[in-house]
């Protein structure tokens, strides 16, 4: 069914023109309320398909929208009649249109990008807070209102697998490019937060590049921001951000770098976040990013160095013993020693430190000086916190040494740290003759 200017819908709404005909099963008309109501310009969306499944989905859309009545992040239904033929609902007109209207403005303004992207996330967060998943996120489905961005179009897409659903957009990007892969293999009916996160990432990409979102290309997008988009758009849903809060935090750190808001500290935080995320979700890393992180860490204030070192995990420490990175171990240990000497950590954390240092100590590519320094930091932490488990780790490091050149450095460390738990090591347990001789000399 189609309406023309001059038609009266449901005996009340006078059609004054066509607003949009780009929807899948719905059409949007400009209307006037013949009964008044105080609104000068309204739009009426109705279901122009007559099939039962289409009507059921349209009614569901209205029901979902009405569930968010009064929410400033969601398009408001002013009136509806889902039992009218055809079913319809009435909403405000948004003269500024959808987000595709401001692409040129976004491309040139990182601050504006961040504001709009955060508003988009906030809109979808409102849905997720009530267990609702949009499943058809794209820039056209976010409208620009007087108080910011609002989300629209709940459920206009047809059932999964319908080719009409996947080609409903007449814009230069196709809706097809936004869909997470699991939607095309039955996952549409069991959508979750990660599906919407995927489509948000694709939407960000389009708004930044004007490119078809099917394949992401990093040209023209800042690396820090492109990483966020790539992570959101992982084909494996388990590797995506698992909730919108994590995505929003990553976005903030990216713009800290882009805008220079966080200075060098912001850059370092972004780097370690990127390194850690890639290790956890992809089991990959960039040696250049690790080097950049260590270099940047060295330029921070001591308090910031200490705080960041406290948060480093074993996965990151394990990277340092790889051939491409071992030359940076001395610089890292110099920074790490500030945290150890500051001793503003729990007694149990001493064991974390010793295990981290054991990784470096056992790194075959690490220089003997570097390995000895790692041992000394482990001993220092264990002694400061009087942590027996950490002391035991230090003892295991010492007795395991078989290389006599390394043993010379280890003995020098032992001589500088004449703590009881070091001097009480049983000489016969040691593999190195040099270390055995030193321990025996203490007992004479």
Protein backbone atom coordinates (compact mmCIF):
# COMPACT_ATOMS: atom_id res chain seq x y z
CA UNK A 1 0.00 0.00 0.00
CA UNK A 2 1.23 3.50 -0.88
CA UNK A 3 0.01 6.92 0.21
CA UNK A 4 0.04 10.17 -1.71
CA UNK A 5 -0.08 13.82 -0.65
CA UNK A 6 -3.57 14.66 0.53
CA UNK A 7 -4.38 11.18 1.84
CA UNK A 8 -5.57 10.85 5.43
CA UNK A 9 -4.06 8.03 7.48
CA UNK A 10 -6.24 6.51 10.20
CA UNK A 11 -8.65 9.43 9.87
CA UNK A 12 -6.14 11.73 11.53
CA UNK A 13 -2.78 12.20 9.83
CA UNK A 14 -2.77 14.22 6.62
CA UNK A 15 0.02 13.21 4.22
CA UNK A 16 1.93 16.23 2.92
CA UNK A 17 4.76 14.48 1.12
CA UNK A 18 7.33 11.67 1.02
CA UNK A 19 10.17 11.84 3.54
CA UNK A 20 12.05 8.63 2.74
CA UNK A 21 11.55 5.57 0.60
CA UNK A 22 14.88 3.90 1.36
CA UNK A 23 13.69 1.57 4.11
CA UNK A 24 13.27 -2.16 3.68
CA UNK A 25 9.59 -2.77 4.37
CA UNK A 26 8.65 0.69 5.65
CA UNK A 27 8.05 4.04 4.06
CA UNK A 28 8.25 7.40 5.84
CA UNK A 29 5.81 10.23 5.11
CA UNK A 30 5.56 13.85 6.13
CA UNK A 31 2.24 14.31 7.89
CA UNK A 32 0.21 16.89 9.78
CA UNK A 33 -1.93 15.99 12.76
CA UNK A 34 -5.45 17.09 11.86
CA UNK A 35 -6.29 17.01 15.56
CA UNK A 36 -3.53 19.45 16.47
CA UNK A 37 -1.07 18.29 19.07
CA UNK A 38 1.37 21.19 18.90
CA UNK A 39 3.84 19.61 16.48
CA UNK A 40 4.29 21.51 13.23
CA UNK A 41 6.09 18.77 11.33
CA UNK A 42 5.84 15.06 11.95
CA UNK A 43 6.75 11.93 10.08
CA UNK A 44 4.75 8.73 9.91
CA UNK A 45 6.37 5.40 9.26
CA UNK A 46 4.15 2.57 8.07
CA UNK A 47 4.55 -1.01 6.94
CA UNK A 48 3.92 -1.14 3.22
CA UNK A 49 4.31 -4.93 3.00
CA UNK A 50 1.21 -7.02 3.60
CA UNK A 51 2.72 -10.36 4.57
CA UNK A 52 2.08 -11.58 8.10
CA UNK A 53 5.78 -11.87 8.91
CA UNK A 54 6.43 -8.28 7.84
CA UNK A 55 3.55 -6.98 9.90
CA UNK A 56 4.69 -9.00 12.93
CA UNK A 57 8.19 -7.53 12.65
CA UNK A 58 6.87 -4.00 12.25
CA UNK A 59 4.70 -4.39 15.34
CA UNK A 60 7.73 -5.67 17.20
CA UNK A 61 9.68 -2.59 16.18
CA UNK A 62 6.97 -0.31 17.54
CA UNK A 63 6.78 -2.31 20.77
CA UNK A 64 10.54 -2.04 21.25
CA UNK A 65 10.58 1.69 20.55
CA UNK A 66 7.72 2.32 22.94
CA UNK A 67 9.67 0.44 25.59
CA UNK A 68 12.19 3.29 25.50
CA UNK A 69 9.61 6.05 25.71
CA UNK A 70 11.15 9.25 27.08
CA UNK A 71 14.71 8.03 26.55
CA UNK A 72 16.76 10.83 24.97
CA UNK A 73 19.01 8.33 23.16
CA UNK A 74 16.20 6.56 21.30
CA UNK A 75 13.68 7.86 18.78
CA UNK A 76 10.37 8.48 20.56
CA UNK A 77 7.05 7.13 19.32
CA UNK A 78 4.50 9.94 19.60
CA UNK A 79 1.54 7.84 18.48
CA UNK A 80 0.95 4.46 16.92
CA UNK A 81 -1.70 2.03 15.72
CA UNK A 82 -0.25 -1.36 14.96
CA UNK A 83 -3.69 -2.83 14.22
CA UNK A 84 -4.51 -0.29 11.56
CA UNK A 85 -4.13 -1.39 7.94
CA UNK A 86 -1.33 -0.66 7.39
CA UNK A 87 0.23 -0.46 10.90
CA UNK A 88 2.11 2.77 11.58
CA UNK A 89 3.75 4.98 14.14
CA UNK A 90 4.38 8.72 14.29
CA UNK A 91 7.62 10.39 15.40
CA UNK A 92 9.33 13.77 15.31
CA UNK A 93 10.99 14.94 12.13
CA UNK A 94 14.79 15.29 12.30
CA UNK A 95 15.64 18.01 9.77
CA UNK A 96 19.39 17.46 10.06
CA UNK A 97 18.98 13.88 8.90
CA UNK A 98 21.24 10.98 9.76
CA UNK A 99 24.97 10.79 10.35
CA UNK A 100 25.82 10.40 6.68
CA UNK A 101 25.01 14.11 6.35
CA UNK A 102 27.99 15.16 8.48
CA UNK A 103 30.74 12.87 7.16
CA UNK A 104 32.79 15.76 5.76
CA UNK A 105 32.58 17.53 9.11
CA UNK A 106 33.74 14.42 10.96
CA UNK A 107 36.69 13.68 8.71
CA UNK A 108 38.34 16.98 9.56
CA UNK A 109 37.66 17.05 13.30
CA UNK A 110 38.93 14.37 15.72
CA UNK A 111 37.08 16.11 18.57
CA UNK A 112 33.79 15.91 16.69
CA UNK A 113 34.48 12.29 15.76
CA UNK A 114 35.01 11.34 19.37
CA UNK A 115 31.85 13.11 20.47
CA UNK A 116 29.67 11.49 17.82
CA UNK A 117 31.18 8.01 18.26
CA UNK A 118 30.66 8.17 22.02
CA UNK A 119 27.05 9.24 21.48
CA UNK A 120 26.53 6.28 19.15
CA UNK A 121 27.93 3.93 21.78
CA UNK A 122 25.73 5.52 24.44
CA UNK A 123 22.65 5.03 22.26
CA UNK A 124 23.35 1.33 21.82
CA UNK A 125 24.23 1.02 25.51
CA UNK A 126 20.70 2.10 26.32
CA UNK A 127 19.37 -0.79 24.29
CA UNK A 128 21.76 -3.31 25.79
CA UNK A 129 20.85 -2.18 29.30
CA UNK A 130 17.40 -3.66 28.62
CA UNK A 131 18.64 -6.74 26.79
CA UNK A 132 17.77 -5.36 23.35
CA UNK A 133 20.17 -5.78 20.41
CA UNK A 134 19.74 -3.56 17.39
CA UNK A 135 21.11 -5.99 14.76
CA UNK A 136 21.04 -3.43 11.94
CA UNK A 137 23.48 -0.72 13.00
CA UNK A 138 24.74 1.66 10.33
CA UNK A 139 25.21 5.45 10.09
CA UNK A 140 21.79 5.92 8.48
CA UNK A 141 20.13 4.56 11.60
CA UNK A 142 21.43 7.35 13.83
CA UNK A 143 19.56 10.62 13.55
CA UNK A 144 20.82 14.06 14.56
CA UNK A 145 18.54 15.72 17.09
CA UNK A 146 18.62 18.97 18.99
CA UNK A 147 20.11 17.23 22.03
CA UNK A 148 22.46 14.92 20.20
CA UNK A 149 22.41 11.62 18.34
CA UNK A 150 19.49 9.21 18.69
CA UNK A 151 19.17 5.65 17.40
CA UNK A 152 16.31 4.60 15.15
CA UNK A 153 15.05 1.74 12.95
CA UNK A 154 14.36 -1.17 15.25
CA UNK A 155 13.66 -4.32 13.29
CA UNK A 156 12.93 -3.00 9.80
CA UNK A 157 15.22 -5.68 8.44
CA UNK A 158 13.57 -8.88 7.34
CA UNK A 159 14.23 -12.34 8.68
CA UNK A 160 17.80 -13.71 8.47
CA UNK A 161 18.76 -15.00 5.06
CA UNK A 162 16.43 -12.78 3.09
CA UNK A 163 18.27 -11.06 0.26
CA UNK A 164 15.99 -8.06 0.62
CA UNK A 165 17.27 -7.47 4.12
CA UNK A 166 20.84 -7.41 2.93
CA UNK A 167 20.29 -4.97 0.06
CA UNK A 168 17.91 -2.55 1.70
CA UNK A 169 20.32 0.39 1.61
CA UNK A 170 20.50 2.52 -1.51
CA UNK A 171 23.55 4.41 -0.25
CA UNK A 172 27.04 3.84 -1.68
CA UNK A 173 27.79 1.48 1.20
CA UNK A 174 25.60 -1.58 1.40
CA UNK A 175 24.05 -2.92 4.56
CA UNK A 176 25.75 -6.18 3.66
CA UNK A 177 29.12 -4.74 4.64
CA UNK A 178 28.04 -4.08 8.21
CA UNK A 179 26.86 -7.57 9.11
CA UNK A 180 29.03 -9.70 11.41
CA UNK A 181 29.80 -13.08 9.83
CA UNK A 182 27.81 -15.03 12.39
CA UNK A 183 24.62 -13.31 11.19
CA UNK A 184 24.96 -14.99 7.82
CA UNK A 185 25.16 -18.46 9.35
CA UNK A 186 22.12 -18.39 11.62
CA UNK A 187 23.49 -16.12 14.33
CA UNK A 188 21.02 -13.31 13.64
CA UNK A 189 18.37 -14.95 15.81
CA UNK A 190 20.78 -15.31 18.72
CA UNK A 191 22.48 -11.92 18.43
CA UNK A 192 24.40 -10.54 21.38
CA UNK A 193 26.40 -7.47 22.35
CA UNK A 194 29.37 -8.39 20.16
CA UNK A 195 27.25 -8.29 17.00
CA UNK A 196 26.27 -4.69 17.65
CA UNK A 197 29.89 -3.88 18.51
CA UNK A 198 30.97 -5.26 15.12
CA UNK A 199 28.48 -3.03 13.31
CA UNK A 200 29.47 0.02 15.35
CA UNK A 201 33.07 -0.52 14.29
CA UNK A 202 32.01 -0.73 10.65
CA UNK A 203 29.92 2.42 11.07
CA UNK A 204 32.88 4.31 12.53
CA UNK A 205 34.98 3.21 9.56
CA UNK A 206 32.44 4.48 7.04
CA UNK A 207 32.06 7.81 8.81
CA UNK A 208 35.84 8.26 8.77
CA UNK A 209 36.59 7.12 5.23
CA UNK A 210 33.40 7.17 3.10
CA UNK A 211 34.51 3.71 1.98
CA UNK A 212 32.54 0.51 1.61
CA UNK A 213 32.83 -1.22 5.00
CA UNK A 214 33.14 -4.77 3.67
CA UNK A 215 36.94 -4.66 3.78
CA UNK A 216 38.78 -2.45 6.25
CA UNK A 217 41.83 -0.57 4.95
CA UNK A 218 43.94 1.54 7.27
CA UNK A 219 44.72 4.33 4.82
CA UNK A 220 43.58 7.67 6.16
CA UNK A 221 42.72 6.40 9.66
CA UNK A 222 45.05 7.08 12.58
CA UNK A 223 46.71 3.78 13.69
CA UNK A 224 45.43 4.11 17.26
CA UNK A 225 41.86 4.50 16.02
CA UNK A 226 42.19 1.88 13.32
CA UNK A 227 43.21 -0.63 15.98
CA UNK A 228 39.97 0.02 17.88
CA UNK A 229 37.95 -0.46 14.69
CA UNK A 230 39.82 -3.65 13.76
CA UNK A 231 39.32 -5.10 17.24
CA UNK A 232 35.60 -4.30 17.15
CA UNK A 233 35.30 -5.91 13.70
CA UNK A 234 37.15 -9.15 14.38
CA UNK A 235 35.56 -11.99 12.43
CA UNK A 236 35.82 -14.19 15.52
CA UNK A 237 33.35 -12.68 17.96
CA UNK A 238 35.41 -13.89 20.94
CA UNK A 239 38.21 -11.55 19.89
CA UNK A 240 36.05 -8.44 19.76
CA UNK A 241 35.41 -6.11 22.66
CA UNK A 242 32.99 -8.08 24.79
CA UNK A 243 31.09 -5.06 26.02
CA UNK A 244 30.53 -1.45 25.02
CA UNK A 245 32.30 -0.11 28.12
CA UNK A 246 35.59 -1.68 27.01
CA UNK A 247 35.09 -0.34 23.50
CA UNK A 248 34.40 3.15 24.79
CA UNK A 249 37.48 3.09 27.01
CA UNK A 250 39.66 1.98 24.09
CA UNK A 251 38.18 4.75 21.96
CA UNK A 252 39.01 7.33 24.62
CA UNK A 253 42.63 6.18 24.82
CA UNK A 254 42.90 6.32 21.02
CA UNK A 255 41.69 9.91 20.96
CA UNK A 256 43.97 10.78 23.87
CA UNK A 257 46.77 10.00 21.45
CA UNK A 258 45.20 11.57 18.36
CA UNK A 259 44.25 14.83 20.05
CA UNK A 260 47.30 14.90 22.30
CA UNK A 261 45.04 15.18 25.30
CA UNK A 262 46.96 12.72 27.42
CA UNK A 263 50.40 13.82 26.22
CA UNK A 264 53.13 11.21 26.32
CA UNK A 265 51.39 9.36 29.15
CA UNK A 266 48.32 8.93 26.94
CA UNK A 267 50.47 7.53 24.15
CA UNK A 268 52.18 5.05 26.47
CA UNK A 269 48.87 3.92 27.94
CA UNK A 270 47.46 3.44 24.46
CA UNK A 271 50.49 1.43 23.37
CA UNK A 272 50.42 -1.00 26.29
CA UNK A 273 46.67 -1.39 25.90
CA UNK A 274 47.10 -2.20 22.22
CA UNK A 275 49.98 -4.61 22.88
CA UNK A 276 48.09 -6.42 25.65
CA UNK A 277 44.85 -6.66 23.69
CA UNK A 278 46.58 -8.12 20.63
CA UNK A 279 48.47 -10.64 22.75
CA UNK A 280 45.29 -11.75 24.53
CA UNK A 281 42.99 -11.85 21.54
CA UNK A 282 45.25 -12.62 18.58
CA UNK A 283 48.43 -14.00 20.14
CA UNK A 284 50.30 -11.44 18.04
CA UNK A 285 52.38 -8.37 18.73
CA UNK A 286 54.39 -5.68 16.98
CA UNK A 287 58.03 -5.49 18.08
CA UNK A 288 58.07 -1.85 16.96
CA UNK A 289 55.19 -1.07 19.32
CA UNK A 290 56.98 -2.79 22.20
CA UNK A 291 60.11 -0.76 21.52
CA UNK A 292 58.07 2.43 21.24
CA UNK A 293 56.39 1.59 24.54
CA UNK A 294 59.70 1.09 26.37
CA UNK A 295 61.13 4.28 24.89
CA UNK A 296 58.01 6.25 25.83
CA UNK A 297 57.91 4.73 29.31
CA UNK A 298 61.43 5.95 29.93
CA UNK A 299 60.38 9.55 29.30
CA UNK A 300 57.56 9.60 31.86
CA UNK A 301 57.69 10.92 35.40
CA UNK A 302 58.85 8.32 37.93
CA UNK A 303 55.40 8.02 39.51
CA UNK A 304 53.87 7.17 36.12
CA UNK A 305 56.67 4.71 35.36
CA UNK A 306 56.04 2.92 38.64
CA UNK A 307 52.28 2.81 38.16
CA UNK A 308 52.54 1.33 34.67
CA UNK A 309 55.19 -1.22 35.69
CA UNK A 310 52.89 -2.46 38.44
CA UNK A 311 50.33 -3.34 35.77
CA UNK A 312 52.62 -5.21 33.37
CA UNK A 313 51.83 -8.91 33.12
CA UNK A 314 53.94 -11.97 32.36
CA UNK A 315 52.77 -12.07 28.75
CA UNK A 316 54.42 -8.72 28.11
CA UNK A 317 57.59 -9.62 30.04
CA UNK A 318 57.89 -12.77 27.92
CA UNK A 319 58.20 -10.63 24.80
CA UNK A 320 61.38 -8.99 26.06
CA UNK A 321 63.46 -12.17 25.82
CA UNK A 322 62.75 -12.57 22.10
CA UNK A 323 65.70 -11.92 19.73
CA UNK A 324 64.28 -8.69 18.29
CA UNK A 325 63.76 -7.16 21.73
CA UNK A 326 66.56 -8.37 24.02
CA UNK A 327 68.67 -5.31 23.31
CA UNK A 328 65.98 -3.25 25.07
CA UNK A 329 66.05 -5.34 28.26
CA UNK A 330 68.63 -3.11 30.06
CA UNK A 331 66.56 0.02 29.43
CA UNK A 332 63.43 -1.75 30.64
CA UNK A 333 65.08 -3.13 33.79
CA UNK A 334 66.36 0.34 34.68
CA UNK A 335 62.77 1.57 34.65
CA UNK A 336 61.41 -1.56 36.37
CA UNK A 337 63.92 -1.13 39.20
CA UNK A 338 62.20 2.12 40.20
CA UNK A 339 59.06 0.17 40.94
CA UNK A 340 60.93 -2.54 42.85
CA UNK A 341 62.83 0.00 44.96
CA UNK A 342 59.72 2.09 45.60
CA UNK A 343 58.21 -0.97 47.31
CA UNK A 344 54.68 0.44 47.24
CA UNK A 345 53.18 -2.95 46.54
CA UNK A 346 51.80 -5.81 48.57
CA UNK A 347 54.01 -8.48 50.04
CA UNK A 348 52.35 -10.99 47.71
CA UNK A 349 53.28 -8.90 44.68
CA UNK A 350 56.92 -9.65 45.39
CA UNK A 351 56.26 -13.10 43.97
CA UNK A 352 54.90 -11.55 40.78
CA UNK A 353 58.08 -9.54 40.46
CA UNK A 354 60.37 -12.52 41.00
CA UNK A 355 58.47 -14.61 38.44
CA UNK A 356 58.68 -11.77 35.94
CA UNK A 357 62.41 -11.45 36.53
CA UNK A 358 62.85 -15.22 36.28
CA UNK A 359 61.51 -15.01 32.71
CA UNK A 360 64.26 -12.53 31.82
CA UNK A 361 66.89 -14.41 33.82
CA UNK A 362 66.17 -17.58 31.83
CA UNK A 363 66.18 -15.76 28.48
CA UNK A 364 69.03 -17.30 26.53
CA UNK A 365 69.30 -14.29 24.23
CA UNK A 366 69.54 -11.83 27.13
CA UNK A 367 73.03 -10.62 28.01
CA UNK A 368 74.64 -11.91 31.19
CA UNK A 369 74.53 -8.41 32.65
CA UNK A 370 70.82 -8.22 31.92
CA UNK A 371 70.19 -11.63 33.47
CA UNK A 372 72.16 -10.69 36.56
CA UNK A 373 70.21 -7.45 36.90
CA UNK A 374 66.94 -9.36 36.71
CA UNK A 375 68.16 -11.67 39.48
CA UNK A 376 69.15 -8.74 41.64
CA UNK A 377 65.73 -7.12 41.28
CA UNK A 378 64.07 -10.42 42.19
CA UNK A 379 66.25 -10.76 45.30
CA UNK A 380 65.62 -7.15 46.31
CA UNK A 381 61.84 -7.55 46.05
CA UNK A 382 61.78 -10.86 47.91
CA UNK A 383 63.90 -9.44 50.73
CA UNK A 384 61.95 -6.18 51.04
CA UNK A 385 58.63 -7.98 51.35
CA UNK A 386 59.99 -10.97 53.28
CA UNK A 387 58.03 -13.19 50.90
CA UNK A 388 59.21 -16.80 51.29
CA UNK A 389 57.73 -17.98 47.98
CA UNK A 390 59.60 -15.17 46.21
CA UNK A 391 62.79 -16.11 48.04
CA UNK A 392 62.39 -19.68 46.86
CA UNK A 393 62.09 -18.47 43.26
CA UNK A 394 65.35 -16.56 43.65
CA UNK A 395 67.08 -19.67 45.03
CA UNK A 396 65.88 -21.71 42.05
CA UNK A 397 67.29 -19.11 39.68
CA UNK A 398 70.70 -19.28 41.34
CA UNK A 399 71.03 -23.05 41.59
CA UNK A 400 69.97 -23.47 37.93
CA UNK A 401 72.94 -21.54 36.54
CA UNK A 402 75.26 -23.81 34.56
CA UNK A 403 77.07 -21.26 32.41
CA UNK A 404 80.25 -20.22 34.21
CA UNK A 405 80.39 -16.80 32.58
CA UNK A 406 76.90 -16.04 33.86
CA UNK A 407 77.89 -17.52 37.21
CA UNK A 408 80.55 -14.82 37.65
CA UNK A 409 77.86 -12.14 37.34
CA UNK A 410 75.54 -14.07 39.66
CA UNK A 411 78.21 -14.32 42.35
CA UNK A 412 78.73 -10.57 42.13
CA UNK A 413 74.99 -10.13 42.77
CA UNK A 414 75.16 -12.53 45.72
CA UNK A 415 78.07 -10.60 47.18
CA UNK A 416 76.09 -7.37 47.06
CA UNK A 417 73.02 -9.00 48.60
CA UNK A 418 74.24 -10.91 51.64
CA UNK A 419 70.81 -11.95 52.83
CA UNK A 420 70.32 -15.08 54.88
CA UNK A 421 68.11 -16.87 52.33
CA UNK A 422 70.86 -16.40 49.70
CA UNK A 423 73.78 -17.46 51.86
CA UNK A 424 71.87 -20.49 53.15
CA UNK A 425 71.61 -22.08 49.71
CA UNK A 426 73.07 -25.59 49.78
CA UNK A 427 76.22 -25.55 47.59
CA UNK A 428 75.70 -29.13 46.40
CA UNK A 429 72.43 -28.11 44.72
CA UNK A 430 74.17 -25.62 42.45
CA UNK A 431 75.12 -26.57 38.89
CA UNK A 432 77.87 -23.96 38.65
CA UNK A 433 81.25 -24.67 40.19
CA UNK A 434 81.86 -20.94 40.63
CA UNK A 435 78.69 -20.49 42.68
CA UNK A 436 79.41 -23.64 44.73
CA UNK A 437 82.87 -22.34 45.62
CA UNK A 438 81.47 -18.98 46.71
CA UNK A 439 78.81 -20.55 48.94
CA UNK A 440 81.35 -22.93 50.48
CA UNK A 441 83.62 -19.99 51.26
CA UNK A 442 80.85 -18.47 53.34
CA UNK A 443 80.68 -21.52 55.55
CA UNK A 444 84.37 -21.71 56.42
